[in-house]
N, C-alpha and C. Protein backbone atom coordinates (compact mmCIF):
# COMPACT_ATOMS: atom_id res chain seq x y z
N UNK A 1 -13.74 27.67 -32.65
CA UNK A 1 -13.16 27.09 -31.47
C UNK A 1 -12.70 28.66 -30.19
N UNK A 2 -13.17 28.13 -29.36
CA UNK A 2 -12.44 29.63 -28.27
C UNK A 2 -11.68 29.92 -28.37
N UNK A 3 -11.04 31.08 -28.01
CA UNK A 3 -9.36 31.42 -27.53
C UNK A 3 -8.81 30.11 -26.74
N UNK A 4 -8.62 30.32 -25.94
CA UNK A 4 -8.32 28.80 -24.64
C UNK A 4 -8.11 27.97 -26.05
N UNK A 5 -8.57 26.96 -26.25
CA UNK A 5 -8.31 26.09 -27.42
C UNK A 5 -7.77 26.60 -28.35
N UNK A 6 -7.73 27.66 -28.78
CA UNK A 6 -6.88 27.84 -30.06
C UNK A 6 -5.76 28.71 -29.20
N UNK A 7 -5.54 28.91 -28.39
CA UNK A 7 -4.15 29.04 -27.82
C UNK A 7 -3.16 27.28 -27.63
N UNK A 8 -4.17 26.31 -27.48
CA UNK A 8 -3.66 24.72 -26.44
C UNK A 8 -3.03 24.52 -27.52
N UNK A 9 -4.34 24.55 -28.74
CA UNK A 9 -4.03 23.78 -30.28
C UNK A 9 -2.32 24.66 -30.67
N UNK A 10 -2.11 25.36 -29.98
CA UNK A 10 -0.86 26.22 -31.29
C UNK A 10 0.43 26.51 -30.64
N UNK A 11 0.09 25.99 -29.25
CA UNK A 11 1.11 24.91 -28.47
C UNK A 11 1.52 24.25 -28.83
N UNK A 12 0.55 22.98 -28.54
CA UNK A 12 0.66 21.29 -29.17
C UNK A 12 1.48 21.58 -30.54
N UNK A 13 1.02 21.96 -31.46
CA UNK A 13 1.71 21.94 -32.54
C UNK A 13 2.84 22.91 -32.90
N UNK A 14 3.38 23.63 -31.51
CA UNK A 14 5.02 24.13 -31.27
C UNK A 14 5.63 23.35 -30.99
N UNK A 15 5.18 22.45 -29.64
CA UNK A 15 6.19 21.03 -29.60
C UNK A 15 6.62 20.44 -30.75
N UNK A 16 5.53 20.24 -31.56
CA UNK A 16 5.82 19.06 -32.19
C UNK A 16 5.33 17.52 -31.88
N UNK A 17 4.82 16.74 -31.30
CA UNK A 17 5.00 15.65 -30.44
C UNK A 17 4.06 14.37 -31.39
N UNK A 18 4.40 13.69 -31.27
CA UNK A 18 3.47 12.73 -31.75
C UNK A 18 3.12 11.42 -30.97
N UNK A 19 1.90 11.35 -30.42
CA UNK A 19 1.40 10.93 -29.66
C UNK A 19 0.17 10.04 -29.88
N UNK A 20 0.41 8.96 -29.47
CA UNK A 20 -0.21 7.37 -30.65
C UNK A 20 -1.43 7.74 -29.84
N UNK A 21 -2.12 7.09 -30.62
CA UNK A 21 -3.62 6.80 -30.01
C UNK A 21 -4.03 5.98 -28.94
N UNK A 22 -4.68 5.93 -27.67
CA UNK A 22 -4.40 4.78 -26.60
C UNK A 22 -5.43 5.46 -25.53
N UNK A 23 -6.05 3.93 -24.56
CA UNK A 23 -6.88 4.12 -23.67
C UNK A 23 -6.42 3.66 -22.59
N UNK A 24 -7.45 3.30 -22.15
CA UNK A 24 -7.26 3.23 -20.48
C UNK A 24 -7.49 2.08 -20.79
N UNK A 25 -6.56 0.40 -20.18
CA UNK A 25 -6.37 -0.40 -20.68
C UNK A 25 -5.47 -1.14 -21.50
N UNK A 26 -4.72 0.13 -22.07
CA UNK A 26 -3.90 -0.85 -23.50
C UNK A 26 -2.20 -0.67 -22.61
N UNK A 27 -1.37 -1.72 -23.03
CA UNK A 27 -0.26 -1.40 -22.97
C UNK A 27 0.90 -0.86 -23.42
N UNK A 28 1.65 -0.45 -22.58
CA UNK A 28 2.33 1.25 -23.31
C UNK A 28 3.67 0.99 -22.58
N UNK A 29 4.75 1.26 -23.79
CA UNK A 29 5.33 2.02 -23.17
C UNK A 29 6.22 2.93 -23.56
N UNK A 30 6.71 3.93 -22.52
CA UNK A 30 7.25 5.47 -22.42
C UNK A 30 8.63 5.39 -22.06
N UNK A 31 9.29 6.21 -23.19
CA UNK A 31 10.29 6.34 -23.49
C UNK A 31 11.20 7.70 -22.75
N UNK A 32 11.38 7.73 -20.83
CA UNK A 32 11.21 8.89 -20.55
C UNK A 32 12.61 9.14 -20.40
N UNK A 33 13.19 10.64 -20.23
CA UNK A 33 15.14 10.73 -20.46
C UNK A 33 15.02 10.93 -18.25
N UNK A 34 15.61 10.51 -18.34
CA UNK A 34 16.61 10.57 -17.19
C UNK A 34 17.26 11.34 -17.14
N UNK A 35 18.28 12.23 -16.03
CA UNK A 35 19.45 12.60 -15.93
C UNK A 35 20.30 12.56 -14.73
N UNK A 36 21.15 11.49 -15.23
CA UNK A 36 21.81 11.27 -13.84
C UNK A 36 23.68 12.33 -13.61
N UNK A 37 23.12 13.44 -13.06
CA UNK A 37 24.24 13.72 -13.02
C UNK A 37 24.93 14.67 -14.18
N UNK A 38 25.80 14.19 -15.27
CA UNK A 38 25.50 14.88 -16.05
C UNK A 38 24.96 14.53 -17.94
N UNK A 39 24.93 13.04 -17.37
CA UNK A 39 24.37 12.05 -18.24
C UNK A 39 23.18 12.58 -18.95
N UNK A 40 22.65 12.15 -19.76
CA UNK A 40 20.22 12.12 -20.10
C UNK A 40 20.99 10.70 -20.60
N UNK A 41 20.26 9.86 -20.62
CA UNK A 41 19.56 8.46 -20.76
C UNK A 41 18.13 7.82 -20.97
N UNK A 42 17.75 7.26 -21.91
CA UNK A 42 16.19 7.41 -21.90
C UNK A 42 15.74 5.95 -21.47
N UNK A 43 15.09 5.98 -19.95
CA UNK A 43 14.53 4.69 -19.84
C UNK A 43 13.25 4.87 -20.13
N UNK A 44 13.32 3.08 -20.21
CA UNK A 44 11.82 2.75 -20.77
C UNK A 44 10.40 2.43 -19.51
N UNK A 45 9.39 2.13 -19.55
CA UNK A 45 8.56 2.33 -18.38
C UNK A 45 7.66 1.61 -18.82
N UNK A 46 7.28 0.05 -18.73
CA UNK A 46 5.83 0.15 -19.14
C UNK A 46 5.44 -0.96 -18.98
N UNK A 47 3.94 -0.70 -18.55
CA UNK A 47 3.14 -1.27 -18.17
C UNK A 47 1.12 -0.35 -18.59
N UNK A 48 0.12 -0.92 -17.51
CA UNK A 48 -0.42 -1.21 -18.11
C UNK A 48 -1.20 0.84 -17.73
N UNK A 49 -1.74 1.66 -18.73
CA UNK A 49 -2.43 2.96 -18.55
C UNK A 49 -3.74 2.55 -18.13
N UNK A 50 -3.31 2.94 -17.08
CA UNK A 50 -4.86 2.73 -15.92
C UNK A 50 -5.86 4.21 -16.16
N UNK A 51 -5.83 5.02 -16.60
CA UNK A 51 -6.40 6.66 -16.43
C UNK A 51 -5.61 7.54 -17.61
N UNK A 52 -7.04 8.48 -18.67
CA UNK A 52 -6.01 9.66 -18.60
C UNK A 52 -6.92 10.32 -18.42
N UNK A 53 -6.18 11.51 -18.11
CA UNK A 53 -7.15 12.74 -17.33
C UNK A 53 -6.97 13.90 -18.52
N UNK A 54 -8.08 14.86 -18.50
CA UNK A 54 -7.43 16.08 -19.45
C UNK A 54 -7.89 16.21 -21.11
N UNK A 55 -7.95 15.03 -21.59
CA UNK A 55 -7.91 14.52 -22.39
C UNK A 55 -6.77 14.67 -23.62
N UNK A 56 -6.78 15.35 -24.23
CA UNK A 56 -5.91 15.06 -25.67
C UNK A 56 -5.08 16.70 -25.46
N UNK A 57 -5.72 17.82 -24.61
CA UNK A 57 -4.99 18.96 -24.30
C UNK A 57 -3.67 19.18 -23.63
N UNK A 58 -3.28 20.26 -23.54
CA UNK A 58 -1.79 19.99 -23.36
C UNK A 58 -1.87 20.11 -21.67
N UNK A 59 -2.77 20.09 -20.83
CA UNK A 59 -2.95 19.84 -19.87
C UNK A 59 -2.48 18.36 -19.66
N UNK A 60 -3.17 17.14 -20.52
CA UNK A 60 -3.39 16.34 -20.34
C UNK A 60 -2.45 14.76 -19.54
N UNK A 61 -2.58 14.78 -18.62
CA UNK A 61 -1.78 13.26 -18.39
C UNK A 61 -1.81 12.01 -17.99
N UNK A 62 -1.57 10.66 -18.21
CA UNK A 62 -1.95 9.66 -18.10
C UNK A 62 -0.71 8.40 -17.11
N UNK A 63 -1.93 7.84 -16.56
CA UNK A 63 -1.14 6.87 -14.87
C UNK A 63 -1.25 5.24 -16.00
N UNK A 64 0.55 5.19 -15.52
CA UNK A 64 1.09 3.40 -16.03
C UNK A 64 1.17 2.80 -15.27
N UNK A 65 0.67 1.83 -14.83
CA UNK A 65 0.77 0.87 -13.50
C UNK A 65 1.45 -0.21 -14.15
N UNK A 66 2.67 -0.78 -13.30
CA UNK A 66 3.38 -2.31 -13.64
C UNK A 66 3.38 -2.61 -11.89
N UNK A 67 3.48 -3.69 -12.09
CA UNK A 67 4.42 -4.37 -11.16
C UNK A 67 5.74 -5.01 -11.05
N UNK A 68 6.45 -4.29 -10.58
CA UNK A 68 7.14 -4.31 -10.37
C UNK A 68 8.19 -4.93 -8.86
N UNK A 69 8.50 -6.41 -9.17
CA UNK A 69 9.43 -7.45 -7.87
C UNK A 69 7.91 -7.62 -6.97
N UNK A 70 6.84 -7.57 -7.55
CA UNK A 70 6.05 -7.78 -6.29
C UNK A 70 4.99 -7.32 -6.38
N UNK A 71 5.34 -5.29 -6.36
CA UNK A 71 5.05 -4.50 -6.08
C UNK A 71 4.53 -3.16 -6.97
N UNK A 72 3.26 -3.29 -6.45
CA UNK A 72 2.27 -2.29 -7.80
C UNK A 72 3.28 -0.77 -7.57
N UNK A 73 3.49 -0.51 -8.49
CA UNK A 73 4.08 1.25 -9.25
C UNK A 73 3.30 1.65 -10.02
N UNK A 74 2.89 3.09 -10.14
CA UNK A 74 2.54 3.65 -10.95
C UNK A 74 3.00 5.47 -11.01
N UNK A 75 3.00 5.76 -11.77
CA UNK A 75 3.48 6.46 -11.94
C UNK A 75 2.53 7.29 -13.36
N UNK A 76 2.06 8.88 -13.23
CA UNK A 76 1.40 9.68 -13.88
C UNK A 76 2.55 10.69 -14.93
N UNK A 77 2.19 10.57 -16.00
CA UNK A 77 2.85 11.02 -17.15
C UNK A 77 2.44 12.26 -17.43
N UNK A 78 3.02 13.57 -17.89
CA UNK A 78 2.26 14.54 -18.49
C UNK A 78 2.32 13.84 -19.66
N UNK A 79 1.07 14.64 -20.63
CA UNK A 79 1.21 13.65 -21.91
C UNK A 79 2.29 14.72 -23.13
N UNK A 80 2.49 15.74 -22.95
CA UNK A 80 3.10 16.42 -23.63
C UNK A 80 4.45 17.21 -23.23
N UNK A 81 4.74 16.06 -21.82
CA UNK A 81 5.74 16.68 -21.54
C UNK A 81 7.10 16.66 -21.99
N UNK A 82 8.22 17.85 -21.71
CA UNK A 82 9.77 17.77 -22.02
C UNK A 82 10.50 16.12 -22.21
N UNK A 83 10.42 15.65 -20.75
CA UNK A 83 10.87 14.46 -20.54
C UNK A 83 10.18 13.09 -21.20
N UNK A 84 9.60 13.14 -21.72
CA UNK A 84 8.66 12.10 -22.35
C UNK A 84 9.91 11.89 -23.99
N UNK A 85 10.45 11.08 -24.67
CA UNK A 85 10.90 10.34 -25.43
C UNK A 85 10.03 10.22 -26.60
N UNK A 86 9.34 9.22 -25.80
CA UNK A 86 8.19 7.75 -26.95
C UNK A 86 7.24 7.42 -26.42
N UNK A 87 5.83 7.54 -27.29
CA UNK A 87 5.33 6.59 -26.47
C UNK A 87 5.04 5.32 -27.40
N UNK A 88 4.76 3.78 -26.96
CA UNK A 88 4.33 3.24 -27.65
C UNK A 88 3.43 2.54 -27.25
N UNK A 89 2.78 1.77 -28.44
CA UNK A 89 1.62 0.97 -27.67
C UNK A 89 1.48 -0.19 -27.76
N UNK A 90 2.35 -0.92 -26.77
CA UNK A 90 2.53 -2.79 -26.57
C UNK A 90 1.24 -3.98 -26.98
N UNK A 91 -0.12 -3.45 -26.41
CA UNK A 91 -1.10 -4.17 -26.81
C UNK A 91 -2.36 -3.50 -26.45
N UNK A 92 -3.21 -3.86 -27.24
CA UNK A 92 -4.42 -3.55 -26.81
C UNK A 92 -5.00 -4.14 -25.59
N UNK A 93 -6.06 -2.77 -25.11
CA UNK A 93 -6.86 -3.62 -24.05
C UNK A 93 -8.48 -3.48 -24.18
N UNK A 94 -9.40 -5.10 -24.51
CA UNK A 94 -10.73 -4.66 -23.98
C UNK A 94 -10.82 -4.74 -22.99
N UNK A 95 -10.91 -2.66 -23.17
CA UNK A 95 -12.24 -3.02 -21.53
C UNK A 95 -13.06 -2.12 -21.47
N UNK A 96 -14.00 -2.09 -20.37
CA UNK A 96 -15.41 -1.18 -19.99
C UNK A 96 -15.86 0.19 -19.24
N UNK A 97 -14.33 0.06 -18.36
CA UNK A 97 -14.25 1.23 -17.95
C UNK A 97 -12.89 2.69 -18.58
N UNK A 98 -13.74 3.68 -18.21
CA UNK A 98 -12.25 4.83 -18.96
C UNK A 98 -11.32 5.10 -17.43
N UNK A 99 -11.50 4.56 -16.21
CA UNK A 99 -10.63 4.25 -15.77
C UNK A 99 -10.51 3.01 -14.61
N UNK A 100 -9.29 2.82 -14.48
CA UNK A 100 -8.40 1.39 -14.12
C UNK A 100 -8.72 0.55 -12.79
N UNK A 101 -8.86 1.86 -12.42
CA UNK A 101 -8.63 2.05 -10.34
C UNK A 101 -8.94 0.80 -10.03
N UNK A 102 -9.63 -0.37 -10.31
CA UNK A 102 -9.85 -1.93 -9.26
C UNK A 102 -8.60 -2.65 -9.76
N UNK A 103 -8.15 -2.24 -10.45
CA UNK A 103 -6.34 -2.99 -11.04
C UNK A 103 -5.49 -3.14 -9.55
N UNK A 104 -5.90 -1.84 -8.82
CA UNK A 104 -4.28 -1.99 -7.43
C UNK A 104 -5.21 -2.71 -6.52
N UNK A 105 -6.47 -3.72 -6.26
CA UNK A 105 -6.70 -4.34 -5.55
C UNK A 105 -6.45 -6.02 -6.05
N UNK A 106 -6.42 -5.87 -6.93
CA UNK A 106 -6.17 -7.32 -8.09
C UNK A 106 -4.84 -7.99 -7.88
N UNK A 107 -4.99 -8.83 -7.97
CA UNK A 107 -3.39 -10.06 -8.34
C UNK A 107 -3.41 -10.68 -9.16
N UNK A 108 -2.31 -11.45 -9.66
CA UNK A 108 -2.65 -12.47 -10.80
C UNK A 108 -3.52 -12.58 -11.88
N UNK A 109 -4.38 -13.71 -11.72
CA UNK A 109 -5.30 -13.62 -13.31
C UNK A 109 -6.02 -12.73 -13.11
N UNK A 110 -6.76 -12.20 -11.81
CA UNK A 110 -8.14 -11.13 -11.84
C UNK A 110 -7.42 -9.84 -12.23
N UNK A 111 -6.60 -10.10 -12.01
CA UNK A 111 -5.73 -8.46 -12.71
C UNK A 111 -5.27 -8.10 -14.09
N UNK A 112 -6.03 -9.45 -14.93
CA UNK A 112 -5.46 -10.10 -16.77
C UNK A 112 -6.26 -8.81 -17.21
N UNK A 113 -6.23 -8.46 -18.32
CA UNK A 113 -7.17 -7.54 -19.31
C UNK A 113 -6.86 -8.08 -20.39
N UNK A 114 -7.99 -8.08 -21.11
CA UNK A 114 -8.10 -8.99 -22.46
C UNK A 114 -8.03 -8.55 -24.04
N UNK A 115 -7.19 -8.82 -24.48
CA UNK A 115 -6.40 -8.21 -24.85
C UNK A 115 -7.46 -7.72 -26.63
N UNK A 116 -7.83 -6.57 -27.32
CA UNK A 116 -8.64 -6.74 -28.54
C UNK A 116 -7.61 -6.58 -29.51
N UNK A 117 -8.00 -7.31 -30.13
CA UNK A 117 -8.01 -8.19 -31.51
C UNK A 117 -7.78 -7.25 -33.00
N UNK A 118 -9.50 -7.08 -32.86
CA UNK A 118 -9.45 -6.06 -34.08
C UNK A 118 -10.09 -4.78 -33.95
N UNK A 119 -9.15 -4.01 -33.13
CA UNK A 119 -8.51 -2.49 -33.17
C UNK A 119 -9.35 -1.95 -33.98
N UNK A 120 -9.71 -0.89 -34.23
CA UNK A 120 -9.92 0.43 -35.67
C UNK A 120 -9.81 1.70 -34.58
N UNK A 121 -8.73 2.31 -35.38
CA UNK A 121 -8.23 3.80 -34.91
C UNK A 121 -9.83 4.52 -35.18
N UNK A 122 -10.06 5.77 -34.38
CA UNK A 122 -11.17 6.42 -34.39
C UNK A 122 -10.64 7.19 -35.46
N UNK A 123 -12.00 7.54 -36.07
CA UNK A 123 -11.51 9.07 -37.20
C UNK A 123 -11.21 10.39 -37.06
N UNK A 124 -10.27 10.30 -38.09
CA UNK A 124 -9.52 11.40 -37.53
C UNK A 124 -7.64 11.44 -36.52
N UNK A 125 -7.90 10.11 -36.03
CA UNK A 125 -6.31 9.69 -34.97
C UNK A 125 -5.48 9.76 -36.30
N UNK A 126 -4.67 10.44 -35.26
CA UNK A 126 -2.87 10.34 -36.27
C UNK A 126 -1.98 8.69 -36.54
N UNK A 127 -2.00 8.36 -35.73
CA UNK A 127 -1.93 7.11 -35.84
C UNK A 127 -2.25 5.76 -36.41
């Protein structure tokens, strides 16, 4: 393992976060810490993960898209952000793409993603 990957692995271990195994097409629920004045609360953001970038590294991000009041809303979350309280996989999607950007132009039934009922976690996955 090269030096940079070793440093990244140490930083991820120091954070001690448990990231579930998810990919694009999965519906996930992200608990995000929101600070309002002096109070901090956890706000749940549930939607379809349409992309993951930079893999499982410390700089990894994922984009979640949801429809809110008839308008599409996308949010990019850093994978190892201190503001993320929890990530929970609601349902697994059966997709053939790594990036689901085509969902931006789809509405209604054409934007649906089939559920993957016989999902097997890859070897070495912690979830």
